[in-house]
Amino acid sequence: MPHKGVKVVAQNRRARHDYFVLETWEAGIELKGTEVKSIRLGKCSLKDCYAAVKNGEMLVYGMHISPYEKGSYFNTDPLRPKRLLMHKAEIRKAHQSVMQQGLALIPLSVYLKDGRMKLELALCKGKKLYDKRDDMAKRDAQRDIERTMRARG
């Protein structure tokens, strides 16, 4: 098979800034043909998207896939809900966590793995403003330490 390895197509960089990531899962995505071609070209955005369980199925909402230029009438709605392919036990566990603890299911990245589209889904807890400030302070301190070490060595 010629498609070996992992190629990241889109990332939700904002997610790690706004949320604490508690657990992650890998899920397949049910897509139409023109959507796959568009994602392979990198025309995908995970901004403001989330996942939810509806009728025992995991769906991702707000994931924008731009229409494929050569797709004509085969193109679908760019914001249509896309079904995620996960085991029932994983879906049940994620749904219970969201319902009981008030957590959120946030997609972190979309990537190609061995020629198949995958989505990294995370169970997240929202950060408060002071948590974000703490993270920024730690990052700045680490950057200063590295800068000092480079200057000395």
N, C-alpha and C. Protein backbone atom coordinates (compact mmCIF):
# COMPACT_ATOMS: atom_id res chain seq x y z
N MET A 1 0.85 -1.19 0.00
CA MET A 1 0.00 0.00 0.00
C MET A 1 0.90 1.25 0.00
N PRO A 2 0.69 2.20 -0.90
CA PRO A 2 1.57 3.36 -1.01
C PRO A 2 1.36 4.43 0.06
N HIS A 3 0.24 4.43 0.76
CA HIS A 3 -0.09 5.48 1.73
C HIS A 3 0.33 5.09 3.15
N LYS A 4 1.59 5.03 3.43
CA LYS A 4 2.03 4.68 4.79
C LYS A 4 2.35 5.94 5.57
N GLY A 5 2.07 5.90 6.87
CA GLY A 5 2.40 7.03 7.73
C GLY A 5 1.21 7.93 8.01
N VAL A 6 1.50 9.05 8.68
CA VAL A 6 0.47 9.99 9.10
C VAL A 6 0.78 11.36 8.52
N LYS A 7 -0.23 11.99 7.92
CA LYS A 7 -0.08 13.34 7.38
C LYS A 7 -1.18 14.20 7.99
N VAL A 8 -0.80 15.17 8.83
CA VAL A 8 -1.78 16.05 9.47
C VAL A 8 -2.29 17.04 8.43
N VAL A 9 -3.63 17.13 8.31
CA VAL A 9 -4.26 18.01 7.33
C VAL A 9 -4.72 19.31 7.98
N ALA A 10 -5.36 19.21 9.15
CA ALA A 10 -5.86 20.40 9.84
C ALA A 10 -5.75 20.19 11.35
N GLN A 11 -5.48 21.29 12.07
CA GLN A 11 -5.39 21.23 13.52
C GLN A 11 -6.24 22.32 14.15
N ASN A 12 -6.76 22.03 15.34
CA ASN A 12 -7.49 23.01 16.12
C ASN A 12 -6.54 23.50 17.21
N ARG A 13 -5.73 24.51 16.88
CA ARG A 13 -4.71 25.01 17.81
C ARG A 13 -5.36 25.71 19.01
N ARG A 14 -6.51 26.28 18.80
CA ARG A 14 -7.21 27.02 19.85
C ARG A 14 -7.68 26.08 20.98
N ALA A 15 -7.94 24.83 20.64
CA ALA A 15 -8.50 23.89 21.62
C ALA A 15 -7.61 23.72 22.84
N ARG A 16 -6.32 23.55 22.64
CA ARG A 16 -5.42 23.35 23.78
C ARG A 16 -5.23 24.62 24.59
N HIS A 17 -5.51 25.76 23.97
CA HIS A 17 -5.44 27.04 24.69
C HIS A 17 -6.68 27.24 25.55
N ASP A 18 -7.84 26.83 25.06
CA ASP A 18 -9.11 27.08 25.76
C ASP A 18 -9.56 25.95 26.67
N TYR A 19 -8.98 24.75 26.52
CA TYR A 19 -9.45 23.59 27.27
C TYR A 19 -8.29 22.78 27.84
N PHE A 20 -8.58 22.07 28.95
CA PHE A 20 -7.69 21.03 29.46
C PHE A 20 -8.09 19.74 28.75
N VAL A 21 -7.15 19.07 28.09
CA VAL A 21 -7.45 17.82 27.40
C VAL A 21 -7.30 16.67 28.40
N LEU A 22 -8.39 15.97 28.66
CA LEU A 22 -8.39 14.88 29.64
C LEU A 22 -8.14 13.52 29.01
N GLU A 23 -8.72 13.29 27.83
CA GLU A 23 -8.60 12.00 27.17
C GLU A 23 -8.79 12.20 25.67
N THR A 24 -8.11 11.39 24.86
CA THR A 24 -8.26 11.51 23.40
C THR A 24 -8.62 10.16 22.79
N TRP A 25 -9.32 10.23 21.66
CA TRP A 25 -9.67 9.05 20.88
C TRP A 25 -9.37 9.33 19.42
N GLU A 26 -9.16 8.24 18.68
CA GLU A 26 -9.02 8.35 17.23
C GLU A 26 -10.32 7.82 16.63
N ALA A 27 -10.90 8.59 15.71
CA ALA A 27 -12.16 8.19 15.09
C ALA A 27 -12.06 8.35 13.58
N GLY A 28 -12.69 7.45 12.87
CA GLY A 28 -12.81 7.61 11.42
C GLY A 28 -13.92 8.61 11.14
N ILE A 29 -13.93 9.19 9.94
CA ILE A 29 -14.96 10.16 9.57
C ILE A 29 -15.69 9.64 8.34
N GLU A 30 -17.02 9.67 8.38
CA GLU A 30 -17.82 9.27 7.23
C GLU A 30 -17.95 10.48 6.31
N LEU A 31 -17.32 10.41 5.14
CA LEU A 31 -17.28 11.54 4.21
C LEU A 31 -17.75 11.13 2.83
N LYS A 32 -18.15 12.13 2.03
CA LYS A 32 -18.47 11.93 0.62
C LYS A 32 -17.16 12.06 -0.17
N GLY A 33 -17.16 11.61 -1.41
CA GLY A 33 -15.95 11.61 -2.24
C GLY A 33 -15.34 12.98 -2.45
N THR A 34 -16.16 13.99 -2.74
CA THR A 34 -15.61 15.32 -2.98
C THR A 34 -15.07 15.93 -1.69
N GLU A 35 -15.63 15.55 -0.54
CA GLU A 35 -15.12 16.05 0.74
C GLU A 35 -13.72 15.50 1.00
N VAL A 36 -13.50 14.24 0.67
CA VAL A 36 -12.19 13.63 0.86
C VAL A 36 -11.16 14.35 0.00
N LYS A 37 -11.51 14.63 -1.26
CA LYS A 37 -10.58 15.31 -2.17
C LYS A 37 -10.27 16.71 -1.65
N SER A 38 -11.28 17.40 -1.14
CA SER A 38 -11.08 18.74 -0.61
C SER A 38 -10.19 18.72 0.63
N ILE A 39 -10.38 17.75 1.51
CA ILE A 39 -9.55 17.64 2.72
C ILE A 39 -8.11 17.31 2.34
N ARG A 40 -7.91 16.45 1.34
CA ARG A 40 -6.56 16.12 0.90
C ARG A 40 -5.81 17.36 0.40
N LEU A 41 -6.57 18.33 -0.13
CA LEU A 41 -5.97 19.60 -0.57
C LEU A 41 -5.77 20.57 0.59
N GLY A 42 -6.22 20.19 1.80
CA GLY A 42 -6.03 21.02 2.98
C GLY A 42 -7.12 22.05 3.18
N LYS A 43 -8.27 21.89 2.54
CA LYS A 43 -9.36 22.86 2.63
C LYS A 43 -10.35 22.45 3.73
N CYS A 44 -9.86 22.41 4.95
CA CYS A 44 -10.67 21.97 6.08
C CYS A 44 -10.36 22.86 7.29
N SER A 45 -11.41 23.21 8.04
CA SER A 45 -11.22 24.05 9.21
C SER A 45 -11.94 23.43 10.41
N LEU A 46 -11.25 23.38 11.54
CA LEU A 46 -11.82 22.84 12.77
C LEU A 46 -12.21 23.95 13.76
N LYS A 47 -12.19 25.18 13.30
CA LYS A 47 -12.50 26.31 14.18
C LYS A 47 -13.97 26.23 14.61
N ASP A 48 -14.22 26.40 15.89
CA ASP A 48 -15.58 26.40 16.46
C ASP A 48 -16.35 25.11 16.19
N CYS A 49 -15.68 23.98 16.14
CA CYS A 49 -16.44 22.74 15.94
C CYS A 49 -16.41 21.90 17.22
N TYR A 50 -17.39 21.04 17.34
CA TYR A 50 -17.54 20.19 18.52
C TYR A 50 -18.22 18.90 18.10
N ALA A 51 -18.18 17.92 18.97
CA ALA A 51 -18.83 16.63 18.71
C ALA A 51 -19.91 16.40 19.76
N ALA A 52 -20.93 15.65 19.37
CA ALA A 52 -22.02 15.32 20.29
C ALA A 52 -22.60 13.96 19.90
N VAL A 53 -23.23 13.32 20.86
CA VAL A 53 -23.86 12.03 20.62
C VAL A 53 -25.34 12.28 20.37
N LYS A 54 -25.83 11.74 19.26
CA LYS A 54 -27.25 11.87 18.90
C LYS A 54 -27.73 10.51 18.40
N ASN A 55 -28.74 9.97 19.04
CA ASN A 55 -29.30 8.66 18.69
C ASN A 55 -28.24 7.55 18.68
N GLY A 56 -27.32 7.59 19.64
CA GLY A 56 -26.31 6.56 19.74
C GLY A 56 -25.16 6.69 18.75
N GLU A 57 -25.14 7.77 17.97
CA GLU A 57 -24.08 8.00 17.00
C GLU A 57 -23.31 9.26 17.38
N MET A 58 -22.01 9.25 17.15
CA MET A 58 -21.19 10.42 17.41
C MET A 58 -21.14 11.26 16.14
N LEU A 59 -21.53 12.52 16.25
CA LEU A 59 -21.51 13.45 15.11
C LEU A 59 -20.64 14.64 15.43
N VAL A 60 -19.96 15.16 14.41
CA VAL A 60 -19.15 16.37 14.59
C VAL A 60 -19.88 17.51 13.85
N TYR A 61 -20.07 18.61 14.58
CA TYR A 61 -20.79 19.77 14.06
C TYR A 61 -19.82 20.93 13.88
N GLY A 62 -20.04 21.74 12.85
CA GLY A 62 -19.26 22.95 12.64
C GLY A 62 -17.93 22.74 11.95
N MET A 63 -17.64 21.51 11.52
CA MET A 63 -16.39 21.25 10.80
C MET A 63 -16.59 21.70 9.35
N HIS A 64 -15.85 22.71 8.94
CA HIS A 64 -16.04 23.29 7.61
C HIS A 64 -15.10 22.63 6.60
N ILE A 65 -15.68 22.04 5.57
CA ILE A 65 -14.91 21.46 4.46
C ILE A 65 -15.32 22.23 3.21
N SER A 66 -14.40 23.00 2.65
CA SER A 66 -14.70 23.81 1.47
C SER A 66 -15.11 22.92 0.30
N PRO A 67 -16.06 23.39 -0.53
CA PRO A 67 -16.46 22.59 -1.70
C PRO A 67 -15.27 22.36 -2.64
N TYR A 68 -15.22 21.17 -3.22
CA TYR A 68 -14.15 20.81 -4.16
C TYR A 68 -14.40 21.55 -5.47
N GLU A 69 -13.36 22.20 -6.02
CA GLU A 69 -13.52 23.03 -7.22
C GLU A 69 -14.07 22.25 -8.41
N LYS A 70 -13.61 21.02 -8.59
CA LYS A 70 -14.03 20.23 -9.75
C LYS A 70 -15.19 19.30 -9.41
N GLY A 71 -15.87 19.58 -8.30
CA GLY A 71 -16.90 18.66 -7.82
C GLY A 71 -18.27 18.83 -8.43
N SER A 72 -18.59 19.97 -9.02
CA SER A 72 -19.90 20.33 -9.60
C SER A 72 -21.05 19.98 -8.66
N TYR A 73 -22.01 19.20 -9.11
CA TYR A 73 -23.19 18.93 -8.30
C TYR A 73 -22.97 17.84 -7.25
N PHE A 74 -21.80 17.23 -7.22
CA PHE A 74 -21.49 16.22 -6.20
C PHE A 74 -21.14 16.86 -4.86
N ASN A 75 -20.83 18.16 -4.87
CA ASN A 75 -20.45 18.84 -3.63
C ASN A 75 -21.62 18.86 -2.65
N THR A 76 -21.28 18.78 -1.37
CA THR A 76 -22.29 18.80 -0.31
C THR A 76 -22.17 20.08 0.49
N ASP A 77 -23.08 20.27 1.43
CA ASP A 77 -23.06 21.43 2.32
C ASP A 77 -21.76 21.42 3.13
N PRO A 78 -20.97 22.52 3.11
CA PRO A 78 -19.68 22.53 3.81
C PRO A 78 -19.78 22.30 5.32
N LEU A 79 -20.91 22.66 5.94
CA LEU A 79 -21.04 22.55 7.39
C LEU A 79 -21.94 21.39 7.84
N ARG A 80 -22.26 20.46 6.94
CA ARG A 80 -23.16 19.38 7.33
C ARG A 80 -22.55 18.56 8.46
N PRO A 81 -23.38 18.02 9.38
CA PRO A 81 -22.83 17.17 10.45
C PRO A 81 -22.23 15.89 9.85
N LYS A 82 -21.04 15.53 10.30
CA LYS A 82 -20.37 14.34 9.80
C LYS A 82 -20.33 13.28 10.89
N ARG A 83 -20.64 12.05 10.52
CA ARG A 83 -20.67 10.97 11.48
C ARG A 83 -19.26 10.47 11.74
N LEU A 84 -18.95 10.23 13.02
CA LEU A 84 -17.66 9.69 13.41
C LEU A 84 -17.79 8.19 13.63
N LEU A 85 -16.80 7.46 13.21
CA LEU A 85 -16.81 6.01 13.32
C LEU A 85 -16.00 5.60 14.54
N MET A 86 -16.72 5.23 15.60
CA MET A 86 -16.09 4.82 16.85
C MET A 86 -16.82 3.59 17.37
N HIS A 87 -16.16 2.88 18.29
CA HIS A 87 -16.81 1.74 18.93
C HIS A 87 -17.92 2.23 19.85
N LYS A 88 -18.96 1.42 19.98
CA LYS A 88 -20.10 1.80 20.83
C LYS A 88 -19.70 2.06 22.27
N ALA A 89 -18.77 1.25 22.78
CA ALA A 89 -18.33 1.44 24.17
C ALA A 89 -17.65 2.80 24.34
N GLU A 90 -16.85 3.22 23.34
CA GLU A 90 -16.19 4.52 23.41
C GLU A 90 -17.22 5.65 23.35
N ILE A 91 -18.21 5.49 22.48
CA ILE A 91 -19.26 6.51 22.35
C ILE A 91 -20.03 6.62 23.67
N ARG A 92 -20.37 5.48 24.26
CA ARG A 92 -21.11 5.47 25.51
C ARG A 92 -20.31 6.14 26.63
N LYS A 93 -19.02 5.83 26.71
CA LYS A 93 -18.16 6.40 27.75
C LYS A 93 -18.06 7.92 27.58
N ALA A 94 -17.84 8.38 26.36
CA ALA A 94 -17.73 9.82 26.09
C ALA A 94 -19.04 10.52 26.41
N HIS A 95 -20.15 9.92 26.04
CA HIS A 95 -21.47 10.52 26.29
C HIS A 95 -21.74 10.64 27.79
N GLN A 96 -21.40 9.61 28.55
CA GLN A 96 -21.61 9.65 29.99
C GLN A 96 -20.75 10.73 30.64
N SER A 97 -19.51 10.87 30.20
CA SER A 97 -18.63 11.90 30.75
C SER A 97 -19.17 13.29 30.48
N VAL A 98 -19.67 13.49 29.27
CA VAL A 98 -20.22 14.80 28.90
C VAL A 98 -21.47 15.11 29.72
N MET A 99 -22.34 14.11 29.89
CA MET A 99 -23.60 14.34 30.60
C MET A 99 -23.39 14.54 32.11
N GLN A 100 -22.51 13.75 32.73
CA GLN A 100 -22.35 13.80 34.18
C GLN A 100 -21.43 14.92 34.65
N GLN A 101 -20.31 15.12 33.95
CA GLN A 101 -19.30 16.04 34.45
C GLN A 101 -19.30 17.38 33.74
N GLY A 102 -20.16 17.56 32.75
CA GLY A 102 -20.21 18.83 32.04
C GLY A 102 -18.98 19.11 31.21
N LEU A 103 -18.41 18.08 30.61
CA LEU A 103 -17.23 18.23 29.77
C LEU A 103 -17.65 18.43 28.32
N ALA A 104 -16.69 18.69 27.44
CA ALA A 104 -16.98 18.91 26.02
C ALA A 104 -16.15 17.95 25.17
N LEU A 105 -16.68 17.60 24.01
CA LEU A 105 -15.96 16.78 23.03
C LEU A 105 -15.49 17.70 21.91
N ILE A 106 -14.19 17.90 21.82
CA ILE A 106 -13.61 18.85 20.87
C ILE A 106 -12.66 18.13 19.93
N PRO A 107 -12.84 18.27 18.61
CA PRO A 107 -11.87 17.71 17.66
C PRO A 107 -10.55 18.49 17.71
N LEU A 108 -9.43 17.78 17.80
CA LEU A 108 -8.12 18.42 17.87
C LEU A 108 -7.44 18.48 16.51
N SER A 109 -7.56 17.42 15.70
CA SER A 109 -6.91 17.42 14.40
C SER A 109 -7.57 16.43 13.45
N VAL A 110 -7.38 16.68 12.15
CA VAL A 110 -7.80 15.77 11.09
C VAL A 110 -6.53 15.37 10.36
N TYR A 111 -6.36 14.07 10.13
CA TYR A 111 -5.15 13.60 9.48
C TYR A 111 -5.41 12.36 8.65
N LEU A 112 -4.48 12.09 7.74
CA LEU A 112 -4.51 10.89 6.92
C LEU A 112 -3.63 9.85 7.58
N LYS A 113 -4.18 8.68 7.81
CA LYS A 113 -3.39 7.59 8.39
C LYS A 113 -3.57 6.38 7.50
N ASP A 114 -2.49 5.96 6.86
CA ASP A 114 -2.54 4.85 5.91
C ASP A 114 -3.62 5.05 4.84
N GLY A 115 -3.77 6.29 4.37
CA GLY A 115 -4.72 6.58 3.30
C GLY A 115 -6.15 6.80 3.75
N ARG A 116 -6.42 6.79 5.04
CA ARG A 116 -7.78 6.99 5.55
C ARG A 116 -7.86 8.23 6.41
N MET A 117 -8.99 8.94 6.30
CA MET A 117 -9.18 10.16 7.09
C MET A 117 -9.51 9.79 8.53
N LYS A 118 -8.79 10.37 9.45
CA LYS A 118 -9.03 10.15 10.88
C LYS A 118 -9.18 11.50 11.56
N LEU A 119 -9.86 11.49 12.70
CA LEU A 119 -10.05 12.69 13.49
C LEU A 119 -9.65 12.38 14.92
N GLU A 120 -8.84 13.24 15.52
CA GLU A 120 -8.46 13.08 16.92
C GLU A 120 -9.47 13.86 17.75
N LEU A 121 -10.24 13.13 18.56
CA LEU A 121 -11.30 13.71 19.36
C LEU A 121 -10.87 13.72 20.82
N ALA A 122 -11.10 14.84 21.51
CA ALA A 122 -10.66 14.96 22.90
C ALA A 122 -11.83 15.27 23.82
N LEU A 123 -11.76 14.68 25.00
CA LEU A 123 -12.68 15.01 26.09
C LEU A 123 -12.02 16.15 26.85
N CYS A 124 -12.68 17.31 26.89
CA CYS A 124 -12.05 18.52 27.41
C CYS A 124 -12.86 19.18 28.51
N LYS A 125 -12.11 19.88 29.36
CA LYS A 125 -12.71 20.70 30.42
C LYS A 125 -12.28 22.14 30.16
N GLY A 126 -13.20 23.07 30.21
CA GLY A 126 -12.91 24.46 29.89
C GLY A 126 -11.94 25.09 30.88
N LYS A 127 -11.06 25.95 30.38
CA LYS A 127 -10.11 26.67 31.22
C LYS A 127 -10.71 28.01 31.62
N LYS A 128 -10.37 28.43 32.81
CA LYS A 128 -10.72 29.77 33.27
C LYS A 128 -9.63 30.72 32.81
N LEU A 129 -9.89 32.02 32.92
CA LEU A 129 -8.93 33.02 32.48
C LEU A 129 -7.61 32.91 33.23
N TYR A 130 -7.67 32.64 34.55
CA TYR A 130 -6.43 32.54 35.33
C TYR A 130 -5.62 31.31 34.94
N ASP A 131 -6.29 30.24 34.49
CA ASP A 131 -5.56 29.05 34.01
C ASP A 131 -4.77 29.40 32.75
N LYS A 132 -5.39 30.17 31.87
CA LYS A 132 -4.71 30.56 30.63
C LYS A 132 -3.51 31.44 30.94
N ARG A 133 -3.67 32.34 31.92
CA ARG A 133 -2.55 33.21 32.31
C ARG A 133 -1.40 32.40 32.90
N ASP A 134 -1.73 31.39 33.72
CA ASP A 134 -0.70 30.51 34.29
C ASP A 134 0.08 29.80 33.19
N ASP A 135 -0.66 29.27 32.20
CA ASP A 135 0.00 28.59 31.09
C ASP A 135 0.93 29.52 30.33
N MET A 136 0.48 30.75 30.09
CA MET A 136 1.31 31.71 29.37
C MET A 136 2.56 32.05 30.19
N ALA A 137 2.42 32.21 31.51
CA ALA A 137 3.56 32.53 32.37
C ALA A 137 4.57 31.38 32.36
N LYS A 138 4.10 30.14 32.44
CA LYS A 138 5.00 28.98 32.41
C LYS A 138 5.73 28.90 31.08
N ARG A 139 5.01 29.14 29.99
CA ARG A 139 5.61 29.08 28.66
C ARG A 139 6.70 30.15 28.51
N ASP A 140 6.40 31.37 28.99
CA ASP A 140 7.38 32.47 28.93
C ASP A 140 8.62 32.15 29.77
N ALA A 141 8.40 31.60 30.97
CA ALA A 141 9.52 31.25 31.84
C ALA A 141 10.39 30.18 31.19
N GLN A 142 9.77 29.18 30.58
CA GLN A 142 10.51 28.12 29.91
C GLN A 142 11.31 28.68 28.74
N ARG A 143 10.72 29.60 28.01
CA ARG A 143 11.40 30.24 26.88
C ARG A 143 12.62 31.03 27.36
N ASP A 144 12.47 31.74 28.49
CA ASP A 144 13.59 32.50 29.05
C ASP A 144 14.73 31.58 29.49
N ILE A 145 14.39 30.46 30.11
CA ILE A 145 15.40 29.49 30.55
C ILE A 145 16.16 28.94 29.34
N GLU A 146 15.42 28.57 28.28
CA GLU A 146 16.07 28.04 27.09
C GLU A 146 16.98 29.10 26.44
N ARG A 147 16.52 30.34 26.42
CA ARG A 147 17.31 31.42 25.84
C ARG A 147 18.62 31.62 26.61
N THR A 148 18.52 31.58 27.95
CA THR A 148 19.70 31.73 28.81
C THR A 148 20.68 30.57 28.60
N MET A 149 20.16 29.37 28.51
CA MET A 149 21.00 28.19 28.30
C MET A 149 21.73 28.26 26.96
N ARG A 150 21.04 28.72 25.92
CA ARG A 150 21.66 28.84 24.61
C ARG A 150 22.75 29.92 24.63
N ALA A 151 22.51 31.01 25.34
CA ALA A 151 23.47 32.12 25.40
C ALA A 151 24.75 31.66 26.12
N ARG A 152 24.61 30.83 27.14
CA ARG A 152 25.78 30.35 27.90
C ARG A 152 26.54 29.27 27.16
N GLY A 153 25.79 28.38 26.48
CA GLY A 153 26.43 27.23 25.87
C GLY A 153 26.73 27.44 24.47
